[in-house]
Amino acid sequence: MTKSPLAFVRVALEAGQAALPPYSCPKSPHTYTQAQLFAILALKEFLQLDYRGVIAHLADWSEACDAIGLQKLPNFSTLKYAQDRLQEKGASQRCWAALSISLASAD
């Protein structure tokens, strides 16, 4: 497992892209992909922050925002809704499994 949050978020984004469709609904605003939201949620767990904390952290960290491909930061509530949606659809387990495989192969 990597100790670099930036390397971790890059791997999390790739895992999310492999495990998730780009958007949860065809009529969604398409502001953030599900992979981007998953990468932020994974970073939240990696850094042991809450929803507001990870957004504040990203606000000060442009390199991570660039790695995730964010044009603007989501509201903390967007992360909560995304996490609920991923868990409800069972996609969360697929993403975390893909992430753990990616991290294991990176070592």
N, C-alpha and C. Protein backbone atom coordinates (compact mmCIF):
# COMPACT_ATOMS: atom_id res chain seq x y z
N MET A 1 0.85 -1.18 0.00
CA MET A 1 0.00 0.00 0.00
C MET A 1 0.89 1.24 0.00
N THR A 2 0.51 2.18 -0.79
CA THR A 2 1.27 3.41 -0.90
C THR A 2 1.00 4.32 0.30
N LYS A 3 1.97 5.14 0.61
CA LYS A 3 1.79 6.12 1.68
C LYS A 3 1.57 7.51 1.11
N SER A 4 1.64 7.63 -0.20
CA SER A 4 1.46 8.91 -0.86
C SER A 4 -0.02 9.13 -1.18
N PRO A 5 -0.64 10.17 -0.62
CA PRO A 5 -2.05 10.42 -0.94
C PRO A 5 -2.28 10.71 -2.42
N LEU A 6 -1.33 11.35 -3.08
CA LEU A 6 -1.50 11.66 -4.49
C LEU A 6 -1.47 10.40 -5.34
N ALA A 7 -0.54 9.51 -5.06
CA ALA A 7 -0.49 8.23 -5.78
C ALA A 7 -1.74 7.42 -5.50
N PHE A 8 -2.20 7.45 -4.26
CA PHE A 8 -3.41 6.72 -3.89
C PHE A 8 -4.62 7.22 -4.66
N VAL A 9 -4.78 8.54 -4.75
CA VAL A 9 -5.95 9.10 -5.42
C VAL A 9 -5.92 8.79 -6.91
N ARG A 10 -4.74 8.73 -7.50
CA ARG A 10 -4.63 8.36 -8.92
C ARG A 10 -5.08 6.92 -9.14
N VAL A 11 -4.64 6.02 -8.27
CA VAL A 11 -5.03 4.62 -8.38
C VAL A 11 -6.53 4.47 -8.11
N ALA A 12 -7.06 5.23 -7.16
CA ALA A 12 -8.49 5.18 -6.85
C ALA A 12 -9.32 5.64 -8.04
N LEU A 13 -8.87 6.66 -8.73
CA LEU A 13 -9.58 7.14 -9.92
C LEU A 13 -9.59 6.06 -11.00
N GLU A 14 -8.46 5.42 -11.23
CA GLU A 14 -8.39 4.34 -12.23
C GLU A 14 -9.30 3.18 -11.84
N ALA A 15 -9.32 2.83 -10.56
CA ALA A 15 -10.19 1.74 -10.09
C ALA A 15 -11.65 2.11 -10.28
N GLY A 16 -12.00 3.34 -9.98
CA GLY A 16 -13.37 3.79 -10.18
C GLY A 16 -13.77 3.79 -11.64
N GLN A 17 -12.86 4.19 -12.51
CA GLN A 17 -13.15 4.18 -13.95
C GLN A 17 -13.35 2.77 -14.46
N ALA A 18 -12.62 1.81 -13.89
CA ALA A 18 -12.74 0.42 -14.32
C ALA A 18 -14.02 -0.23 -13.80
N ALA A 19 -14.48 0.19 -12.62
CA ALA A 19 -15.59 -0.50 -11.97
C ALA A 19 -16.95 0.19 -12.12
N LEU A 20 -16.96 1.45 -12.53
CA LEU A 20 -18.21 2.22 -12.54
C LEU A 20 -18.51 2.79 -13.92
N PRO A 21 -19.80 2.93 -14.24
CA PRO A 21 -20.15 3.70 -15.44
C PRO A 21 -19.85 5.18 -15.17
N PRO A 22 -19.67 5.97 -16.21
CA PRO A 22 -19.30 7.38 -15.97
C PRO A 22 -20.30 8.15 -15.10
N TYR A 23 -21.58 7.96 -15.35
CA TYR A 23 -22.59 8.72 -14.62
C TYR A 23 -23.66 7.77 -14.09
N SER A 24 -24.28 8.14 -12.99
CA SER A 24 -25.27 7.27 -12.36
C SER A 24 -26.59 7.28 -13.10
N CYS A 25 -26.86 8.35 -13.83
CA CYS A 25 -28.15 8.50 -14.51
C CYS A 25 -27.93 9.30 -15.79
N PRO A 26 -28.61 8.93 -16.88
CA PRO A 26 -28.43 9.68 -18.13
C PRO A 26 -28.83 11.15 -18.00
N LYS A 27 -29.71 11.47 -17.08
CA LYS A 27 -30.19 12.84 -16.93
C LYS A 27 -29.48 13.60 -15.81
N SER A 28 -28.45 13.00 -15.24
CA SER A 28 -27.70 13.71 -14.20
C SER A 28 -26.96 14.88 -14.83
N PRO A 29 -26.57 15.88 -14.04
CA PRO A 29 -25.92 17.07 -14.60
C PRO A 29 -24.56 16.81 -15.26
N HIS A 30 -23.95 15.65 -15.03
CA HIS A 30 -22.66 15.29 -15.62
C HIS A 30 -21.55 16.27 -15.22
N THR A 31 -21.64 16.77 -14.01
CA THR A 31 -20.60 17.66 -13.49
C THR A 31 -19.39 16.86 -13.02
N TYR A 32 -19.65 15.76 -12.32
CA TYR A 32 -18.58 14.89 -11.81
C TYR A 32 -18.89 13.46 -12.25
N THR A 33 -17.87 12.72 -12.63
CA THR A 33 -18.09 11.31 -12.93
C THR A 33 -18.14 10.54 -11.61
N GLN A 34 -18.72 9.36 -11.68
CA GLN A 34 -18.75 8.53 -10.48
C GLN A 34 -17.34 8.15 -10.05
N ALA A 35 -16.44 7.98 -11.01
CA ALA A 35 -15.05 7.65 -10.68
C ALA A 35 -14.38 8.79 -9.92
N GLN A 36 -14.66 10.03 -10.32
CA GLN A 36 -14.10 11.18 -9.60
C GLN A 36 -14.62 11.22 -8.17
N LEU A 37 -15.92 11.01 -8.01
CA LEU A 37 -16.50 11.03 -6.67
C LEU A 37 -15.96 9.88 -5.83
N PHE A 38 -15.79 8.70 -6.44
CA PHE A 38 -15.21 7.58 -5.71
C PHE A 38 -13.79 7.89 -5.28
N ALA A 39 -13.01 8.52 -6.16
CA ALA A 39 -11.62 8.87 -5.81
C ALA A 39 -11.58 9.81 -4.61
N ILE A 40 -12.51 10.77 -4.57
CA ILE A 40 -12.56 11.69 -3.43
C ILE A 40 -12.97 10.94 -2.17
N LEU A 41 -13.95 10.04 -2.30
CA LEU A 41 -14.38 9.26 -1.14
C LEU A 41 -13.26 8.35 -0.64
N ALA A 42 -12.50 7.78 -1.56
CA ALA A 42 -11.37 6.94 -1.16
C ALA A 42 -10.30 7.78 -0.46
N LEU A 43 -10.06 8.97 -0.98
CA LEU A 43 -9.10 9.88 -0.33
C LEU A 43 -9.58 10.26 1.07
N LYS A 44 -10.87 10.45 1.21
CA LYS A 44 -11.47 10.76 2.52
C LYS A 44 -11.13 9.66 3.53
N GLU A 45 -11.27 8.41 3.10
CA GLU A 45 -10.95 7.29 3.99
C GLU A 45 -9.44 7.19 4.23
N PHE A 46 -8.65 7.40 3.19
CA PHE A 46 -7.19 7.30 3.29
C PHE A 46 -6.65 8.31 4.30
N LEU A 47 -7.18 9.53 4.24
CA LEU A 47 -6.71 10.60 5.14
C LEU A 47 -7.49 10.66 6.45
N GLN A 48 -8.48 9.80 6.59
CA GLN A 48 -9.32 9.73 7.79
C GLN A 48 -9.96 11.08 8.10
N LEU A 49 -10.64 11.64 7.08
CA LEU A 49 -11.32 12.92 7.21
C LEU A 49 -12.82 12.73 7.09
N ASP A 50 -13.57 13.77 7.42
CA ASP A 50 -15.00 13.75 7.17
C ASP A 50 -15.25 14.39 5.81
N TYR A 51 -16.53 14.49 5.41
CA TYR A 51 -16.86 15.02 4.08
C TYR A 51 -16.38 16.46 3.91
N ARG A 52 -16.65 17.29 4.88
CA ARG A 52 -16.21 18.68 4.79
C ARG A 52 -14.69 18.79 4.83
N GLY A 53 -14.06 17.93 5.60
CA GLY A 53 -12.61 17.96 5.72
C GLY A 53 -11.90 17.61 4.42
N VAL A 54 -12.39 16.62 3.70
CA VAL A 54 -11.73 16.24 2.45
C VAL A 54 -11.92 17.33 1.40
N ILE A 55 -13.07 18.00 1.40
CA ILE A 55 -13.28 19.11 0.46
C ILE A 55 -12.35 20.27 0.81
N ALA A 56 -12.21 20.57 2.09
CA ALA A 56 -11.30 21.64 2.51
C ALA A 56 -9.85 21.29 2.14
N HIS A 57 -9.51 20.03 2.31
CA HIS A 57 -8.16 19.57 1.96
C HIS A 57 -7.91 19.73 0.47
N LEU A 58 -8.89 19.34 -0.35
CA LEU A 58 -8.74 19.47 -1.80
C LEU A 58 -8.70 20.93 -2.25
N ALA A 59 -9.39 21.80 -1.52
CA ALA A 59 -9.38 23.22 -1.87
C ALA A 59 -7.97 23.80 -1.78
N ASP A 60 -7.15 23.24 -0.92
CA ASP A 60 -5.77 23.70 -0.75
C ASP A 60 -4.76 22.88 -1.56
N TRP A 61 -5.24 21.90 -2.31
CA TRP A 61 -4.34 20.95 -2.95
C TRP A 61 -4.68 20.80 -4.43
N SER A 62 -4.21 21.72 -5.23
CA SER A 62 -4.56 21.75 -6.66
C SER A 62 -4.00 20.54 -7.42
N GLU A 63 -2.88 20.01 -6.98
CA GLU A 63 -2.29 18.86 -7.67
C GLU A 63 -3.21 17.64 -7.61
N ALA A 64 -3.86 17.43 -6.48
CA ALA A 64 -4.80 16.32 -6.36
C ALA A 64 -6.04 16.57 -7.21
N CYS A 65 -6.51 17.82 -7.22
CA CYS A 65 -7.67 18.16 -8.05
C CYS A 65 -7.36 17.92 -9.52
N ASP A 66 -6.15 18.26 -9.94
CA ASP A 66 -5.74 18.01 -11.32
C ASP A 66 -5.67 16.52 -11.62
N ALA A 67 -5.16 15.74 -10.67
CA ALA A 67 -5.05 14.29 -10.85
C ALA A 67 -6.42 13.65 -10.99
N ILE A 68 -7.40 14.18 -10.26
CA ILE A 68 -8.76 13.65 -10.33
C ILE A 68 -9.50 14.21 -11.54
N GLY A 69 -9.04 15.34 -12.05
CA GLY A 69 -9.69 15.96 -13.19
C GLY A 69 -10.86 16.86 -12.82
N LEU A 70 -10.77 17.47 -11.65
CA LEU A 70 -11.86 18.33 -11.18
C LEU A 70 -11.70 19.75 -11.71
N GLN A 71 -12.78 20.28 -12.29
CA GLN A 71 -12.81 21.68 -12.69
C GLN A 71 -13.23 22.56 -11.52
N LYS A 72 -14.13 22.01 -10.68
CA LYS A 72 -14.55 22.68 -9.45
C LYS A 72 -14.81 21.60 -8.41
N LEU A 73 -14.79 22.01 -7.16
CA LEU A 73 -14.97 21.06 -6.07
C LEU A 73 -16.45 20.80 -5.82
N PRO A 74 -16.81 19.55 -5.55
CA PRO A 74 -18.20 19.28 -5.20
C PRO A 74 -18.50 19.76 -3.78
N ASN A 75 -19.76 19.97 -3.52
CA ASN A 75 -20.21 20.26 -2.16
C ASN A 75 -20.07 18.99 -1.35
N PHE A 76 -19.87 19.12 -0.06
CA PHE A 76 -19.72 17.93 0.78
C PHE A 76 -20.94 17.03 0.70
N SER A 77 -22.13 17.61 0.51
CA SER A 77 -23.35 16.79 0.43
C SER A 77 -23.36 15.93 -0.83
N THR A 78 -22.72 16.39 -1.89
CA THR A 78 -22.61 15.59 -3.12
C THR A 78 -21.85 14.30 -2.83
N LEU A 79 -20.83 14.39 -2.00
CA LEU A 79 -20.07 13.19 -1.63
C LEU A 79 -20.92 12.22 -0.83
N LYS A 80 -21.70 12.74 0.10
CA LYS A 80 -22.55 11.89 0.92
C LYS A 80 -23.58 11.18 0.05
N TYR A 81 -24.22 11.92 -0.87
CA TYR A 81 -25.20 11.30 -1.76
C TYR A 81 -24.54 10.26 -2.66
N ALA A 82 -23.34 10.55 -3.13
CA ALA A 82 -22.62 9.59 -3.98
C ALA A 82 -22.28 8.33 -3.20
N GLN A 83 -21.84 8.49 -1.96
CA GLN A 83 -21.51 7.31 -1.15
C GLN A 83 -22.75 6.47 -0.90
N ASP A 84 -23.85 7.11 -0.57
CA ASP A 84 -25.10 6.38 -0.36
C ASP A 84 -25.52 5.64 -1.62
N ARG A 85 -25.41 6.30 -2.76
CA ARG A 85 -25.80 5.70 -4.04
C ARG A 85 -24.90 4.51 -4.38
N LEU A 86 -23.61 4.65 -4.18
CA LEU A 86 -22.68 3.56 -4.48
C LEU A 86 -22.93 2.36 -3.57
N GLN A 87 -23.21 2.62 -2.31
CA GLN A 87 -23.47 1.51 -1.38
C GLN A 87 -24.80 0.84 -1.69
N GLU A 88 -25.79 1.63 -2.08
CA GLU A 88 -27.11 1.09 -2.38
C GLU A 88 -27.06 0.16 -3.59
N LYS A 89 -26.29 0.53 -4.59
CA LYS A 89 -26.19 -0.27 -5.81
C LYS A 89 -25.16 -1.38 -5.71
N GLY A 90 -24.46 -1.47 -4.60
CA GLY A 90 -23.43 -2.49 -4.44
C GLY A 90 -22.15 -2.19 -5.21
N ALA A 91 -22.09 -1.01 -5.79
CA ALA A 91 -20.91 -0.63 -6.57
C ALA A 91 -19.72 -0.33 -5.69
N SER A 92 -19.99 0.03 -4.46
CA SER A 92 -18.91 0.38 -3.54
C SER A 92 -17.95 -0.79 -3.33
N GLN A 93 -18.51 -1.99 -3.17
CA GLN A 93 -17.66 -3.17 -2.96
C GLN A 93 -16.80 -3.45 -4.19
N ARG A 94 -17.38 -3.29 -5.39
CA ARG A 94 -16.61 -3.51 -6.62
C ARG A 94 -15.46 -2.52 -6.73
N CYS A 95 -15.74 -1.27 -6.39
CA CYS A 95 -14.69 -0.24 -6.47
C CYS A 95 -13.57 -0.51 -5.48
N TRP A 96 -13.94 -0.82 -4.24
CA TRP A 96 -12.91 -1.08 -3.24
C TRP A 96 -12.10 -2.33 -3.59
N ALA A 97 -12.77 -3.33 -4.17
CA ALA A 97 -12.04 -4.53 -4.60
C ALA A 97 -11.06 -4.19 -5.72
N ALA A 98 -11.52 -3.41 -6.69
CA ALA A 98 -10.63 -3.00 -7.79
C ALA A 98 -9.48 -2.16 -7.27
N LEU A 99 -9.76 -1.30 -6.29
CA LEU A 99 -8.71 -0.46 -5.71
C LEU A 99 -7.68 -1.31 -4.97
N SER A 100 -8.14 -2.28 -4.20
CA SER A 100 -7.18 -3.10 -3.45
C SER A 100 -6.32 -3.95 -4.39
N ILE A 101 -6.91 -4.42 -5.49
CA ILE A 101 -6.13 -5.18 -6.48
C ILE A 101 -5.10 -4.27 -7.13
N SER A 102 -5.51 -3.06 -7.48
CA SER A 102 -4.59 -2.11 -8.12
C SER A 102 -3.45 -1.74 -7.18
N LEU A 103 -3.77 -1.54 -5.92
CA LEU A 103 -2.72 -1.19 -4.95
C LEU A 103 -1.77 -2.35 -4.72
N ALA A 104 -2.31 -3.58 -4.70
CA ALA A 104 -1.46 -4.75 -4.49
C ALA A 104 -0.51 -4.95 -5.68
N SER A 105 -1.01 -4.70 -6.88
CA SER A 105 -0.15 -4.89 -8.05
C SER A 105 0.86 -3.76 -8.21
N ALA A 106 0.57 -2.60 -7.61
CA ALA A 106 1.50 -1.46 -7.69
C ALA A 106 2.70 -1.65 -6.77
N ASP A 107 2.56 -2.46 -5.74
CA ASP A 107 3.67 -2.67 -4.79
C ASP A 107 4.74 -3.55 -5.33
